[in-house]
Protein backbone atom coordinates (compact mmCIF):
# COMPACT_ATOMS: atom_id res chain seq x y z
CA UNK A 1 38.45 184.14 70.13
CA UNK A 2 38.87 180.83 69.44
CA UNK A 3 36.72 179.02 70.92
CA UNK A 4 36.85 175.57 72.38
CA UNK A 5 35.82 172.33 71.50
CA UNK A 6 35.36 170.13 74.31
CA UNK A 7 36.54 166.63 74.58
CA UNK A 8 35.17 163.14 75.18
CA UNK A 9 36.93 159.93 76.25
CA UNK A 10 35.78 156.14 74.82
CA UNK A 11 37.25 153.36 75.70
CA UNK A 12 38.10 150.90 72.64
CA UNK A 13 35.17 148.02 71.70
CA UNK A 14 37.27 144.44 72.39
CA UNK A 15 38.13 143.49 69.44
CA UNK A 16 39.98 146.65 67.57
CA UNK A 17 43.05 145.91 66.25
CA UNK A 18 46.36 148.23 64.90
CA UNK A 19 44.76 148.44 61.71
CA UNK A 20 41.06 149.74 62.46
CA UNK A 21 42.72 151.62 64.87
CA UNK A 22 45.14 153.34 62.28
CA UNK A 23 42.09 153.88 60.01
CA UNK A 24 40.43 155.32 62.54
CA UNK A 25 42.82 157.54 62.57
CA UNK A 26 43.34 158.50 59.65
CA UNK A 27 39.49 159.43 59.31
CA UNK A 28 38.40 161.18 61.63
CA UNK A 29 40.14 163.83 64.86
CA UNK A 30 40.47 161.57 66.68
CA UNK A 31 43.84 160.67 69.52
CA UNK A 32 44.66 157.76 71.95
CA UNK A 33 45.80 158.06 75.02
CA UNK A 34 46.73 154.74 77.03
CA UNK A 35 45.16 155.05 81.60
CA UNK A 36 44.88 152.59 84.11
CA UNK A 37 42.05 151.36 82.38
CA UNK A 38 43.17 150.61 79.58
CA UNK A 39 43.09 152.45 75.63
CA UNK A 40 40.72 155.42 74.97
CA UNK A 41 40.68 157.58 72.18
CA UNK A 42 39.34 161.24 72.70
CA UNK A 43 38.46 164.03 70.36
CA UNK A 44 35.08 165.80 69.38
CA UNK A 45 31.34 164.19 70.42
CA UNK A 46 30.49 164.39 66.60
CA UNK A 47 34.17 162.58 65.55
CA UNK A 48 33.81 159.56 69.18
CA UNK A 49 29.94 158.52 67.08
CA UNK A 50 31.85 158.23 63.93
CA UNK A 51 34.47 156.64 64.82
CA UNK A 52 32.63 154.16 66.92
CA UNK A 53 30.05 153.37 63.86
CA UNK A 54 33.32 152.56 61.68
CA UNK A 55 35.33 150.27 64.27
CA UNK A 56 32.45 148.53 64.70
CA UNK A 57 31.45 147.56 61.30
CA UNK A 58 35.25 147.14 60.93
CA UNK A 59 34.97 144.69 63.26
CA UNK A 60 31.80 143.22 61.56
CA UNK A 61 33.64 143.12 58.88
CA UNK A 62 36.30 141.82 60.14
CA UNK A 63 33.83 138.74 62.00
CA UNK A 64 32.24 137.56 58.58
CA UNK A 65 35.60 137.23 57.00
CA UNK A 66 36.81 135.00 60.34
CA UNK A 67 33.20 133.06 59.96
CA UNK A 68 34.09 132.26 56.46
CA UNK A 69 37.62 130.54 56.97
């Protein structure tokens, strides 16, 4: 018997670029869904938490780069 894992949804934080999102898809078992309220990523809870941390760190790094310019 195959156990189905529960999937969750998470809205994307503001500032997520296409490249950041592409890297998140490579690193984590998540998928993208377009909704009437905007894009959401879907996956198991643990994967979403890791993806969120990854995206937040990527945004912070991008902001640091922009501050130096």
